[in-house]
């Protein structure tokens, strides 16, 4: 995947699938924070959250947020059997910037990871 330079502005993250476990981190040099943890399977309920500054408005940081830009780090874990993740990143006017849909079967443990450098409005 080719990341534009400078990185895009991201204002919303939508998680449509998390089978089995999806961690999303905000990261910068010497700092990171888990901003979302989804555990599910075939009955997973999709959700979205708005990025306000650096972290979602419903997940205030425990330490001061870093200055922009930073990276979103996605980590997908499988417990057994088939696995699938679907994540969309959206810009300030609702335009989809990225759409990730990795899937597979059988492997246990870390099955997907993706790092995306971004700015936040």
PDB file of N, CA and C in Angstrom:
ATOM      1  N   UNK A   1       0.838  -1.164   0.000  1.00  0.00           N
ATOM      2  CA  UNK A   1       0.000   0.000   0.000  1.00  0.00           C
ATOM      3  C   UNK A   1       0.890   1.237   0.000  1.00  0.00           C
ATOM      4  N   UNK A   2       0.572   2.189  -0.839  1.00  0.00           N
ATOM      5  CA  UNK A   2       1.330   3.432  -0.924  1.00  0.00           C
ATOM      6  C   UNK A   2       0.655   4.487  -0.067  1.00  0.00           C
ATOM      7  N   UNK A   3       1.387   5.059   0.877  1.00  0.00           N
ATOM      8  CA  UNK A   3       0.878   6.097   1.759  1.00  0.00           C
ATOM      9  C   UNK A   3       1.278   7.446   1.179  1.00  0.00           C
ATOM     10  N   UNK A   4       0.314   8.368   1.005  1.00  0.00           N
ATOM     11  CA  UNK A   4       0.670   9.677   0.455  1.00  0.00           C
ATOM     12  C   UNK A   4       1.557  10.472   1.393  1.00  0.00           C
ATOM     13  N   UNK A   5       2.326  11.383   0.838  1.00  0.00           N
ATOM     14  CA  UNK A   5       3.162  12.261   1.638  1.00  0.00           C
ATOM     15  C   UNK A   5       2.765  13.686   1.289  1.00  0.00           C
ATOM     16  N   UNK A   6       2.229  14.489   2.177  1.00  0.00           N
ATOM     17  CA  UNK A   6       2.035  14.199   3.597  1.00  0.00           C
ATOM     18  C   UNK A   6       0.872  13.238   3.825  1.00  0.00           C
ATOM     19  N   UNK A   7       0.819  12.609   5.024  1.00  0.00           N
ATOM     20  CA  UNK A   7      -0.264  11.677   5.323  1.00  0.00           C
ATOM     21  C   UNK A   7      -1.621  12.388   5.302  1.00  0.00           C
ATOM     22  N   UNK A   8      -2.692  11.632   5.059  1.00  0.00           N
ATOM     23  CA  UNK A   8      -4.021  12.238   4.994  1.00  0.00           C
ATOM     24  C   UNK A   8      -4.565  12.607   6.370  1.00  0.00           C
ATOM     25  N   UNK A   9      -5.534  13.520   6.385  1.00  0.00           N
ATOM     26  CA  UNK A   9      -6.280  13.819   7.603  1.00  0.00           C
ATOM     27  C   UNK A   9      -7.339  12.739   7.779  1.00  0.00           C
ATOM     28  N   UNK A  10      -7.435  12.176   8.972  1.00  0.00           N
ATOM     29  CA  UNK A  10      -8.428  11.149   9.272  1.00  0.00           C
ATOM     30  C   UNK A  10      -9.306  11.661  10.403  1.00  0.00           C
ATOM     31  N   UNK A  11     -10.627  11.553  10.242  1.00  0.00           N
ATOM     32  CA  UNK A  11     -11.530  12.030  11.286  1.00  0.00           C
ATOM     33  C   UNK A  11     -12.428  10.942  11.850  1.00  0.00           C
ATOM     34  N   UNK A  12     -12.545   9.784  11.165  1.00  0.00           N
ATOM     35  CA  UNK A  12     -13.411   8.715  11.663  1.00  0.00           C
ATOM     36  C   UNK A  12     -12.817   7.361  11.317  1.00  0.00           C
ATOM     37  N   UNK A  13     -12.995   6.412  12.235  1.00  0.00           N
ATOM     38  CA  UNK A  13     -12.630   5.012  12.009  1.00  0.00           C
ATOM     39  C   UNK A  13     -13.906   4.191  12.132  1.00  0.00           C
ATOM     40  N   UNK A  14     -14.148   3.321  11.148  1.00  0.00           N
ATOM     41  CA  UNK A  14     -15.306   2.430  11.194  1.00  0.00           C
ATOM     42  C   UNK A  14     -14.804   0.990  11.163  1.00  0.00           C
ATOM     43  N   UNK A  15     -15.225   0.200  12.160  1.00  0.00           N
ATOM     44  CA  UNK A  15     -14.864  -1.213  12.232  1.00  0.00           C
ATOM     45  C   UNK A  15     -16.117  -2.008  11.882  1.00  0.00           C
ATOM     46  N   UNK A  16     -16.074  -2.705  10.753  1.00  0.00           N
ATOM     47  CA  UNK A  16     -17.233  -3.462  10.292  1.00  0.00           C
ATOM     48  C   UNK A  16     -17.142  -4.943  10.668  1.00  0.00           C
ATOM     49  N   UNK A  17     -15.899  -5.480  10.755  1.00  0.00           N
ATOM     50  CA  UNK A  17     -15.692  -6.877  11.151  1.00  0.00           C
ATOM     51  C   UNK A  17     -14.501  -6.960  12.087  1.00  0.00           C
ATOM     52  N   UNK A  18     -14.616  -7.813  13.095  1.00  0.00           N
ATOM     53  CA  UNK A  18     -13.496  -8.114  13.993  1.00  0.00           C
ATOM     54  C   UNK A  18     -13.650  -9.559  14.446  1.00  0.00           C
ATOM     55  N   UNK A  19     -13.097 -10.459  13.687  1.00  0.00           N
ATOM     56  CA  UNK A  19     -13.187 -11.883  13.968  1.00  0.00           C
ATOM     57  C   UNK A  19     -11.752 -12.431  13.989  1.00  0.00           C
ATOM     58  N   UNK A  20     -11.118 -12.473  15.081  1.00  0.00           N
ATOM     59  CA  UNK A  20     -11.653 -12.572  16.427  1.00  0.00           C
ATOM     60  C   UNK A  20     -11.346 -11.348  17.299  1.00  0.00           C
ATOM     61  N   UNK A  21     -10.172 -10.740  17.180  1.00  0.00           N
ATOM     62  CA  UNK A  21      -9.775  -9.674  18.107  1.00  0.00           C
ATOM     63  C   UNK A  21      -8.987  -8.614  17.344  1.00  0.00           C
ATOM     64  N   UNK A  22      -9.422  -7.361  17.465  1.00  0.00           N
ATOM     65  CA  UNK A  22      -8.766  -6.260  16.751  1.00  0.00           C
ATOM     66  C   UNK A  22      -8.373  -5.175  17.735  1.00  0.00           C
ATOM     67  N   UNK A  23      -7.080  -4.854  17.766  1.00  0.00           N
ATOM     68  CA  UNK A  23      -6.548  -3.765  18.584  1.00  0.00           C
ATOM     69  C   UNK A  23      -6.185  -2.616  17.653  1.00  0.00           C
ATOM     70  N   UNK A  24      -6.526  -1.382  18.064  1.00  0.00           N
ATOM     71  CA  UNK A  24      -6.131  -0.197  17.309  1.00  0.00           C
ATOM     72  C   UNK A  24      -5.373   0.721  18.264  1.00  0.00           C
ATOM     73  N   UNK A  25      -4.172   1.109  17.854  1.00  0.00           N
ATOM     74  CA  UNK A  25      -3.314   1.967  18.663  1.00  0.00           C
ATOM     75  C   UNK A  25      -3.045   3.283  17.935  1.00  0.00           C
ATOM     76  N   UNK A  26      -2.907   4.349  18.709  1.00  0.00           N
ATOM     77  CA  UNK A  26      -2.339   5.600  18.224  1.00  0.00           C
ATOM     78  C   UNK A  26      -0.894   5.596  18.706  1.00  0.00           C
ATOM     79  N   UNK A  27       0.045   5.883  17.830  1.00  0.00           N
ATOM     80  CA  UNK A  27       1.457   5.774  18.203  1.00  0.00           C
ATOM     81  C   UNK A  27       2.262   6.935  17.645  1.00  0.00           C
ATOM     82  N   UNK A  28       3.259   7.306  18.402  1.00  0.00           N
ATOM     83  CA  UNK A  28       4.243   8.308  18.010  1.00  0.00           C
ATOM     84  C   UNK A  28       5.518   7.969  18.768  1.00  0.00           C
ATOM     85  N   UNK A  29       6.617   8.509  18.347  1.00  0.00           N
ATOM     86  CA  UNK A  29       7.887   8.241  19.012  1.00  0.00           C
ATOM     87  C   UNK A  29       7.733   8.413  20.524  1.00  0.00           C
ATOM     88  N   UNK A  30       8.095   7.394  21.284  1.00  0.00           N
ATOM     89  CA  UNK A  30       8.062   7.392  22.749  1.00  0.00           C
ATOM     90  C   UNK A  30       6.665   7.462  23.349  1.00  0.00           C
ATOM     91  N   UNK A  31       5.626   7.152  22.581  1.00  0.00           N
ATOM     92  CA  UNK A  31       4.262   7.225  23.112  1.00  0.00           C
ATOM     93  C   UNK A  31       3.341   6.349  22.285  1.00  0.00           C
ATOM     94  N   UNK A  32       2.440   5.638  22.941  1.00  0.00           N
ATOM     95  CA  UNK A  32       1.365   4.934  22.241  1.00  0.00           C
ATOM     96  C   UNK A  32       0.218   4.722  23.208  1.00  0.00           C
ATOM     97  N   UNK A  33      -0.968   4.541  22.667  1.00  0.00           N
ATOM     98  CA  UNK A  33      -2.139   4.282  23.484  1.00  0.00           C
ATOM     99  C   UNK A  33      -3.118   3.442  22.677  1.00  0.00           C
ATOM    100  N   UNK A  34      -3.671   2.410  23.312  1.00  0.00           N
ATOM    101  CA  UNK A  34      -4.705   1.633  22.641  1.00  0.00           C
ATOM    102  C   UNK A  34      -5.977   2.468  22.634  1.00  0.00           C
ATOM    103  N   UNK A  35      -6.524   2.719  21.450  1.00  0.00           N
ATOM    104  CA  UNK A  35      -7.721   3.552  21.359  1.00  0.00           C
ATOM    105  C   UNK A  35      -8.976   2.737  21.091  1.00  0.00           C
ATOM    106  N   UNK A  36      -8.811   1.466  20.749  1.00  0.00           N
ATOM    107  CA  UNK A  36      -9.979   0.616  20.532  1.00  0.00           C
ATOM    108  C   UNK A  36      -9.574  -0.843  20.648  1.00  0.00           C
ATOM    109  N   UNK A  37     -10.445  -1.639  21.269  1.00  0.00           N
ATOM    110  CA  UNK A  37     -10.274  -3.091  21.333  1.00  0.00           C
ATOM    111  C   UNK A  37     -11.623  -3.707  21.002  1.00  0.00           C
ATOM    112  N   UNK A  38     -11.658  -4.510  19.957  1.00  0.00           N
ATOM    113  CA  UNK A  38     -12.884  -5.189  19.549  1.00  0.00           C
ATOM    114  C   UNK A  38     -12.650  -6.686  19.587  1.00  0.00           C
ATOM    115  N   UNK A  39     -13.537  -7.404  20.280  1.00  0.00           N
ATOM    116  CA  UNK A  39     -13.494  -8.861  20.306  1.00  0.00           C
ATOM    117  C   UNK A  39     -14.822  -9.354  19.778  1.00  0.00           C
ATOM    118  N   UNK A  40     -14.763 -10.259  18.826  1.00  0.00           N
ATOM    119  CA  UNK A  40     -16.020 -10.713  18.249  1.00  0.00           C
ATOM    120  C   UNK A  40     -15.871 -11.979  17.473  1.00  0.00           C
ATOM    121  N   UNK A  41     -16.728 -12.118  16.525  1.00  0.00           N
ATOM    122  CA  UNK A  41     -16.779 -13.275  15.656  1.00  0.00           C
ATOM    123  C   UNK A  41     -17.817 -12.993  14.598  1.00  0.00           C
ATOM    124  N   UNK A  42     -18.494 -14.023  14.136  1.00  0.00           N
ATOM    125  CA  UNK A  42     -19.498 -13.833  13.091  1.00  0.00           C
ATOM    126  C   UNK A  42     -20.656 -12.928  13.521  1.00  0.00           C
ATOM    127  N   UNK A  43     -20.895 -12.791  14.818  1.00  0.00           N
ATOM    128  CA  UNK A  43     -22.005 -11.960  15.309  1.00  0.00           C
ATOM    129  C   UNK A  43     -21.551 -10.567  15.743  1.00  0.00           C
ATOM    130  N   UNK A  44     -20.351 -10.163  15.364  1.00  0.00           N
ATOM    131  CA  UNK A  44     -19.798  -8.865  15.741  1.00  0.00           C
ATOM    132  C   UNK A  44     -20.696  -7.718  15.279  1.00  0.00           C
ATOM    133  N   UNK A  45     -20.902  -6.733  16.156  1.00  0.00           N
ATOM    134  CA  UNK A  45     -21.698  -5.562  15.808  1.00  0.00           C
ATOM    135  C   UNK A  45     -20.769  -4.426  15.378  1.00  0.00           C
ATOM    136  N   UNK A  46     -20.878  -3.943  14.136  1.00  0.00           N
ATOM    137  CA  UNK A  46     -20.017  -2.856  13.646  1.00  0.00           C
ATOM    138  C   UNK A  46     -20.154  -1.592  14.486  1.00  0.00           C
ATOM    139  N   UNK A  47     -19.092  -0.805  14.538  1.00  0.00           N
ATOM    140  CA  UNK A  47     -19.111   0.462  15.259  1.00  0.00           C
ATOM    141  C   UNK A  47     -18.170   1.449  14.588  1.00  0.00           C
ATOM    142  N   UNK A  48     -18.394   2.728  14.886  1.00  0.00           N
ATOM    143  CA  UNK A  48     -17.533   3.806  14.397  1.00  0.00           C
ATOM    144  C   UNK A  48     -17.169   4.695  15.560  1.00  0.00           C
ATOM    145  N   UNK A  49     -16.058   5.399  15.420  1.00  0.00           N
ATOM    146  CA  UNK A  49     -15.767   6.451  16.385  1.00  0.00           C
ATOM    147  C   UNK A  49     -15.072   7.599  15.690  1.00  0.00           C
ATOM    148  N   UNK A  50     -15.320   8.778  16.238  1.00  0.00           N
ATOM    149  CA  UNK A  50     -14.781  10.023  15.704  1.00  0.00           C
ATOM    150  C   UNK A  50     -13.477  10.330  16.416  1.00  0.00           C
ATOM    151  N   UNK A  51     -12.463  10.690  15.654  1.00  0.00           N
ATOM    152  CA  UNK A  51     -11.202  11.122  16.249  1.00  0.00           C
ATOM    153  C   UNK A  51     -11.314  12.612  16.539  1.00  0.00           C
ATOM    154  N   UNK A  52     -11.075  12.975  17.791  1.00  0.00           N
ATOM    155  CA  UNK A  52     -11.167  14.364  18.233  1.00  0.00           C
ATOM    156  C   UNK A  52      -9.804  14.746  18.779  1.00  0.00           C
ATOM    157  N   UNK A  53      -9.025  15.462  17.997  1.00  0.00           N
ATOM    158  CA  UNK A  53      -7.654  15.735  18.410  1.00  0.00           C
ATOM    159  C   UNK A  53      -6.815  14.531  18.083  1.00  0.00           C
ATOM    160  N   UNK A  54      -6.496  13.727  19.079  1.00  0.00           N
ATOM    161  CA  UNK A  54      -5.671  12.551  18.846  1.00  0.00           C
ATOM    162  C   UNK A  54      -6.404  11.258  19.141  1.00  0.00           C
ATOM    163  N   UNK A  55      -7.246  11.246  20.163  1.00  0.00           N
ATOM    164  CA  UNK A  55      -7.916  10.010  20.555  1.00  0.00           C
ATOM    165  C   UNK A  55      -9.422  10.159  20.429  1.00  0.00           C
ATOM    166  N   UNK A  56     -10.156   9.048  20.368  1.00  0.00           N
ATOM    167  CA  UNK A  56     -11.600   9.149  20.290  1.00  0.00           C
ATOM    168  C   UNK A  56     -12.165   9.930  21.480  1.00  0.00           C
ATOM    169  N   UNK A  57     -13.256  10.630  21.254  1.00  0.00           N
ATOM    170  CA  UNK A  57     -13.838  11.450  22.311  1.00  0.00           C
ATOM    171  C   UNK A  57     -14.289  10.608  23.492  1.00  0.00           C
ATOM    172  N   UNK A  58     -14.603   9.332  23.271  1.00  0.00           N
ATOM    173  CA  UNK A  58     -15.044   8.484  24.374  1.00  0.00           C
ATOM    174  C   UNK A  58     -13.884   7.750  25.042  1.00  0.00           C
ATOM    175  N   UNK A  59     -12.650   8.072  24.691  1.00  0.00           N
ATOM    176  CA  UNK A  59     -11.493   7.398  25.262  1.00  0.00           C
ATOM    177  C   UNK A  59     -10.385   8.408  25.543  1.00  0.00           C
ATOM    178  N   UNK A  60     -10.541   9.235  26.613  1.00  0.00           N
ATOM    179  CA  UNK A  60      -9.536  10.258  26.870  1.00  0.00           C
ATOM    180  C   UNK A  60      -8.177   9.648  27.212  1.00  0.00           C
ATOM    181  N   UNK A  61      -7.101  10.282  26.792  1.00  0.00           N
ATOM    182  CA  UNK A  61      -5.767   9.741  27.067  1.00  0.00           C
ATOM    183  C   UNK A  61      -5.417   9.846  28.541  1.00  0.00           C
ATOM    184  N   UNK A  62      -4.605   8.910  29.003  1.00  0.00           N
ATOM    185  CA  UNK A  62      -4.118   8.953  30.376  1.00  0.00           C
ATOM    186  C   UNK A  62      -2.857   9.800  30.465  1.00  0.00           C
ATOM    187  N   UNK A  63      -2.216  10.019  29.338  1.00  0.00           N
ATOM    188  CA  UNK A  63      -1.044  10.884  29.273  1.00  0.00           C
ATOM    189  C   UNK A  63      -1.331  11.949  28.225  1.00  0.00           C
ATOM    190  N   UNK A  64      -0.616  13.050  28.227  1.00  0.00           N
ATOM    191  CA  UNK A  64      -0.884  14.084  27.222  1.00  0.00           C
ATOM    192  C   UNK A  64      -0.718  13.532  25.812  1.00  0.00           C
ATOM    193  N   UNK A  65      -1.639  13.869  24.918  1.00  0.00           N
ATOM    194  CA  UNK A  65      -1.519  13.372  23.551  1.00  0.00           C
ATOM    195  C   UNK A  65      -0.312  13.967  22.848  1.00  0.00           C
ATOM    196  N   UNK A  66       0.260  13.224  21.912  1.00  0.00           N
ATOM    197  CA  UNK A  66       1.415  13.727  21.183  1.00  0.00           C
ATOM    198  C   UNK A  66       0.996  14.779  20.164  1.00  0.00           C
ATOM    199  N   UNK A  67       1.938  15.504  19.677  1.00  0.00           N
ATOM    200  CA  UNK A  67       1.658  16.434  18.588  1.00  0.00           C
ATOM    201  C   UNK A  67       1.480  15.654  17.300  1.00  0.00           C
ATOM    202  N   UNK A  68       0.740  16.220  16.400  1.00  0.00           N
ATOM    203  CA  UNK A  68       0.491  15.568  15.118  1.00  0.00           C
ATOM    204  C   UNK A  68       1.722  15.709  14.226  1.00  0.00           C
ATOM    205  N   UNK A  69       1.986  14.831  13.302  1.00  0.00           N
ATOM    206  CA  UNK A  69       1.235  13.643  12.941  1.00  0.00           C
ATOM    207  C   UNK A  69       1.572  12.453  13.842  1.00  0.00           C
ATOM    208  N   UNK A  70       0.860  11.357  13.636  1.00  0.00           N
ATOM    209  CA  UNK A  70       1.160  10.123  14.330  1.00  0.00           C
ATOM    210  C   UNK A  70       0.724   8.961  13.463  1.00  0.00           C
ATOM    211  N   UNK A  71       0.723   7.758  13.998  1.00  0.00           N
ATOM    212  CA  UNK A  71       0.366   6.575  13.211  1.00  0.00           C
ATOM    213  C   UNK A  71      -0.759   5.820  13.891  1.00  0.00           C
ATOM    214  N   UNK A  72      -1.630   5.251  13.086  1.00  0.00           N
ATOM    215  CA  UNK A  72      -2.593   4.271  13.580  1.00  0.00           C
ATOM    216  C   UNK A  72      -1.995   2.901  13.318  1.00  0.00           C
ATOM    217  N   UNK A  73      -2.021   2.046  14.333  1.00  0.00           N
ATOM    218  CA  UNK A  73      -1.487   0.691  14.206  1.00  0.00           C
ATOM    219  C   UNK A  73      -2.637  -0.277  14.469  1.00  0.00           C
ATOM    220  N   UNK A  74      -2.905  -1.142  13.496  1.00  0.00           N
ATOM    221  CA  UNK A  74      -3.967  -2.137  13.591  1.00  0.00           C
ATOM    222  C   UNK A  74      -3.327  -3.498  13.803  1.00  0.00           C
ATOM    223  N   UNK A  75      -3.834  -4.266  14.785  1.00  0.00           N
ATOM    224  CA  UNK A  75      -3.305  -5.587  15.093  1.00  0.00           C
ATOM    225  C   UNK A  75      -4.478  -6.562  15.168  1.00  0.00           C
ATOM    226  N   UNK A  76      -4.492  -7.557  14.279  1.00  0.00           N
ATOM    227  CA  UNK A  76      -5.550  -8.559  14.259  1.00  0.00           C
ATOM    228  C   UNK A  76      -5.055  -9.890  14.791  1.00  0.00           C
ATOM    229  N   UNK A  77      -5.820 -10.462  15.721  1.00  0.00           N
ATOM    230  CA  UNK A  77      -5.465 -11.737  16.358  1.00  0.00           C
ATOM    231  C   UNK A  77      -6.584 -12.740  16.097  1.00  0.00           C
ATOM    232  N   UNK A  78      -6.192 -13.968  15.756  1.00  0.00           N
ATOM    233  CA  UNK A  78      -7.159 -15.046  15.542  1.00  0.00           C
ATOM    234  C   UNK A  78      -7.034 -16.063  16.661  1.00  0.00           C
ATOM    235  N   UNK A  79      -8.164 -16.561  17.124  1.00  0.00           N
ATOM    236  CA  UNK A  79      -8.172 -17.572  18.180  1.00  0.00           C
ATOM    237  C   UNK A  79      -8.159 -18.980  17.604  1.00  0.00           C
ATOM    238  N   UNK A  80      -8.733 -19.161  16.414  1.00  0.00           N
ATOM    239  CA  UNK A  80      -8.737 -20.445  15.714  1.00  0.00           C
ATOM    240  C   UNK A  80      -9.775 -20.360  14.601  1.00  0.00           C
ATOM    241  N   UNK A  81      -9.615 -21.166  13.576  1.00  0.00           N
ATOM    242  CA  UNK A  81     -10.584 -21.197  12.485  1.00  0.00           C
ATOM    243  C   UNK A  81     -10.491 -19.979  11.585  1.00  0.00           C
ATOM    244  N   UNK A  82     -11.582 -19.642  10.892  1.00  0.00           N
ATOM    245  CA  UNK A  82     -11.546 -18.501   9.975  1.00  0.00           C
ATOM    246  C   UNK A  82     -11.428 -17.174  10.727  1.00  0.00           C
ATOM    247  N   UNK A  83     -10.819 -16.200  10.066  1.00  0.00           N
ATOM    248  CA  UNK A  83     -10.692 -14.862  10.635  1.00  0.00           C
ATOM    249  C   UNK A  83     -10.942 -13.832   9.553  1.00  0.00           C
ATOM    250  N   UNK A  84     -11.445 -12.662   9.980  1.00  0.00           N
ATOM    251  CA  UNK A  84     -11.720 -11.581   9.035  1.00  0.00           C
ATOM    252  C   UNK A  84     -11.797 -10.262   9.779  1.00  0.00           C
ATOM    253  N   UNK A  85     -11.256  -9.227   9.159  1.00  0.00           N
ATOM    254  CA  UNK A  85     -11.325  -7.870   9.696  1.00  0.00           C
ATOM    255  C   UNK A  85     -11.744  -6.943   8.569  1.00  0.00           C
ATOM    256  N   UNK A  86     -12.476  -5.909   8.927  1.00  0.00           N
ATOM    257  CA  UNK A  86     -12.829  -4.891   7.941  1.00  0.00           C
ATOM    258  C   UNK A  86     -12.820  -3.546   8.651  1.00  0.00           C
ATOM    259  N   UNK A  87     -11.941  -2.662   8.188  1.00  0.00           N
ATOM    260  CA  UNK A  87     -11.752  -1.358   8.818  1.00  0.00           C
ATOM    261  C   UNK A  87     -11.716  -0.292   7.730  1.00  0.00           C
ATOM    262  N   UNK A  88     -12.420   0.804   7.961  1.00  0.00           N
ATOM    263  CA  UNK A  88     -12.391   1.942   7.049  1.00  0.00           C
ATOM    264  C   UNK A  88     -11.917   3.189   7.768  1.00  0.00           C
ATOM    265  N   UNK A  89     -11.094   3.981   7.110  1.00  0.00           N
ATOM    266  CA  UNK A  89     -10.660   5.282   7.637  1.00  0.00           C
ATOM    267  C   UNK A  89     -11.254   6.360   6.745  1.00  0.00           C
ATOM    268  N   UNK A  90     -11.831   7.370   7.371  1.00  0.00           N
ATOM    269  CA  UNK A  90     -12.560   8.397   6.638  1.00  0.00           C
ATOM    270  C   UNK A  90     -11.997   9.782   6.923  1.00  0.00           C
ATOM    271  N   UNK A  91     -12.019  10.626   5.900  1.00  0.00           N
ATOM    272  CA  UNK A  91     -11.547  12.000   6.014  1.00  0.00           C
ATOM    273  C   UNK A  91     -12.616  12.915   6.578  1.00  0.00           C
ATOM    274  N   UNK A  92     -12.286  14.202   6.717  1.00  0.00           N
ATOM    275  CA  UNK A  92     -13.183  15.154   7.358  1.00  0.00           C
ATOM    276  C   UNK A  92     -14.527  15.338   6.660  1.00  0.00           C
ATOM    277  N   UNK A  93     -14.625  15.097   5.383  1.00  0.00           N
ATOM    278  CA  UNK A  93     -15.899  15.267   4.673  1.00  0.00           C
ATOM    279  C   UNK A  93     -16.564  13.930   4.379  1.00  0.00           C
ATOM    280  N   UNK A  94     -16.188  12.891   5.119  1.00  0.00           N
ATOM    281  CA  UNK A  94     -16.805  11.588   4.956  1.00  0.00           C
ATOM    282  C   UNK A  94     -16.245  10.743   3.833  1.00  0.00           C
ATOM    283  N   UNK A  95     -15.219  11.225   3.153  1.00  0.00           N
ATOM    284  CA  UNK A  95     -14.617  10.464   2.046  1.00  0.00           C
ATOM    285  C   UNK A  95     -13.766   9.324   2.608  1.00  0.00           C
ATOM    286  N   UNK A  96     -13.998   8.108   2.092  1.00  0.00           N
ATOM    287  CA  UNK A  96     -13.215   6.962   2.562  1.00  0.00           C
ATOM    288  C   UNK A  96     -11.803   7.060   2.009  1.00  0.00           C
ATOM    289  N   UNK A  97     -10.822   7.016   2.921  1.00  0.00           N
ATOM    290  CA  UNK A  97      -9.417   7.117   2.546  1.00  0.00           C
ATOM    291  C   UNK A  97      -8.770   5.748   2.394  1.00  0.00           C
ATOM    292  N   UNK A  98      -9.099   4.830   3.296  1.00  0.00           N
ATOM    293  CA  UNK A  98      -8.548   3.478   3.277  1.00  0.00           C
ATOM    294  C   UNK A  98      -9.654   2.498   3.620  1.00  0.00           C
ATOM    295  N   UNK A  99      -9.558   1.294   3.062  1.00  0.00           N
ATOM    296  CA  UNK A  99     -10.507   0.227   3.364  1.00  0.00           C
ATOM    297  C   UNK A  99      -9.710  -1.068   3.398  1.00  0.00           C
ATOM    298  N   UNK A 100      -9.553  -1.646   4.586  1.00  0.00           N
ATOM    299  CA  UNK A 100      -8.784  -2.868   4.763  1.00  0.00           C
ATOM    300  C   UNK A 100      -9.745  -4.036   4.977  1.00  0.00           C
ATOM    301  N   UNK A 101      -9.534  -5.159   4.275  1.00  0.00           N
ATOM    302  CA  UNK A 101     -10.415  -6.327   4.405  1.00  0.00           C
ATOM    303  C   UNK A 101      -9.618  -7.635   4.429  1.00  0.00           C
ATOM    304  N   UNK A 102      -8.640  -7.772   5.314  1.00  0.00           N
ATOM    305  CA  UNK A 102      -7.877  -9.017   5.346  1.00  0.00           C
ATOM    306  C   UNK A 102      -8.723 -10.170   5.906  1.00  0.00           C
ATOM    307  N   UNK A 103      -8.458 -11.383   5.438  1.00  0.00           N
ATOM    308  CA  UNK A 103      -9.153 -12.563   5.952  1.00  0.00           C
ATOM    309  C   UNK A 103      -8.314 -13.804   5.671  1.00  0.00           C
ATOM    310  N   UNK A 104      -8.652 -14.886   6.349  1.00  0.00           N
ATOM    311  CA  UNK A 104      -7.943 -16.142   6.161  1.00  0.00           C
ATOM    312  C   UNK A 104      -8.552 -17.212   7.044  1.00  0.00           C
ATOM    313  N   UNK A 105      -7.820 -18.288   7.239  1.00  0.00           N
ATOM    314  CA  UNK A 105      -8.318 -19.368   8.084  1.00  0.00           C
ATOM    315  C   UNK A 105      -7.162 -20.138   8.697  1.00  0.00           C
ATOM    316  N   UNK A 106      -7.424 -20.720   9.890  1.00  0.00           N
ATOM    317  CA  UNK A 106      -6.532 -21.699  10.476  1.00  0.00           C
ATOM    318  C   UNK A 106      -5.421 -21.215  11.371  1.00  0.00           C
ATOM    319  N   UNK A 107      -4.770 -20.111  11.051  1.00  0.00           N
ATOM    320  CA  UNK A 107      -3.636 -19.666  11.847  1.00  0.00           C
ATOM    321  C   UNK A 107      -4.116 -19.093  13.182  1.00  0.00           C
ATOM    322  N   UNK A 108      -3.393 -19.388  14.259  1.00  0.00           N
ATOM    323  CA  UNK A 108      -3.708 -18.859  15.585  1.00  0.00           C
ATOM    324  C   UNK A 108      -2.659 -17.829  15.957  1.00  0.00           C
ATOM    325  N   UNK A 109      -3.097 -16.712  16.536  1.00  0.00           N
ATOM    326  CA  UNK A 109      -2.184 -15.656  16.954  1.00  0.00           C
ATOM    327  C   UNK A 109      -2.293 -14.458  16.037  1.00  0.00           C
ATOM    328  N   UNK A 110      -1.187 -13.740  15.871  1.00  0.00           N
ATOM    329  CA  UNK A 110      -1.160 -12.551  15.025  1.00  0.00           C
ATOM    330  C   UNK A 110      -1.365 -12.946  13.558  1.00  0.00           C
ATOM    331  N   UNK A 111      -2.434 -12.414  12.950  1.00  0.00           N
ATOM    332  CA  UNK A 111      -2.722 -12.758  11.558  1.00  0.00           C
ATOM    333  C   UNK A 111      -2.727 -11.537  10.644  1.00  0.00           C
ATOM    334  N   UNK A 112      -2.809 -10.328  11.211  1.00  0.00           N
ATOM    335  CA  UNK A 112      -2.823  -9.122  10.383  1.00  0.00           C
ATOM    336  C   UNK A 112      -2.302  -7.945  11.186  1.00  0.00           C
ATOM    337  N   UNK A 113      -1.519  -7.104  10.534  1.00  0.00           N
ATOM    338  CA  UNK A 113      -1.122  -5.833  11.145  1.00  0.00           C
ATOM    339  C   UNK A 113      -0.929  -4.822  10.027  1.00  0.00           C
ATOM    340  N   UNK A 114      -1.221  -3.587  10.334  1.00  0.00           N
ATOM    341  CA  UNK A 114      -1.109  -2.499   9.358  1.00  0.00           C
ATOM    342  C   UNK A 114      -0.810  -1.217  10.123  1.00  0.00           C
ATOM    343  N   UNK A 115       0.127  -0.438   9.617  1.00  0.00           N
ATOM    344  CA  UNK A 115       0.432   0.869  10.192  1.00  0.00           C
ATOM    345  C   UNK A 115       0.149   1.937   9.139  1.00  0.00           C
ATOM    346  N   UNK A 116      -0.587   2.966   9.547  1.00  0.00           N
ATOM    347  CA  UNK A 116      -0.964   4.046   8.631  1.00  0.00           C
ATOM    348  C   UNK A 116      -0.590   5.385   9.256  1.00  0.00           C
ATOM    349  N   UNK A 117       0.376   6.123   8.700  1.00  0.00           N
ATOM    350  CA  UNK A 117       0.671   7.448   9.204  1.00  0.00           C
ATOM    351  C   UNK A 117      -0.472   8.410   8.825  1.00  0.00           C
ATOM    352  N   UNK A 118      -0.902   9.226   9.801  1.00  0.00           N
ATOM    353  CA  UNK A 118      -2.030  10.126   9.546  1.00  0.00           C
ATOM    354  C   UNK A 118      -1.848  11.445  10.291  1.00  0.00           C
ATOM    355  N   UNK A 119      -2.683  12.397   9.926  1.00  0.00           N
ATOM    356  CA  UNK A 119      -2.948  13.607  10.701  1.00  0.00           C
ATOM    357  C   UNK A 119      -4.385  13.505  11.166  1.00  0.00           C
ATOM    358  N   UNK A 120      -4.715  14.212  12.228  1.00  0.00           N
ATOM    359  CA  UNK A 120      -6.093  14.260  12.713  1.00  0.00           C
ATOM    360  C   UNK A 120      -6.542  15.700  12.722  1.00  0.00           C
ATOM    361  N   UNK A 121      -7.754  15.930  12.246  1.00  0.00           N
ATOM    362  CA  UNK A 121      -8.328  17.284  12.243  1.00  0.00           C
ATOM    363  C   UNK A 121      -8.615  17.746  13.647  1.00  0.00           C
TER     364      UNK A 121
END
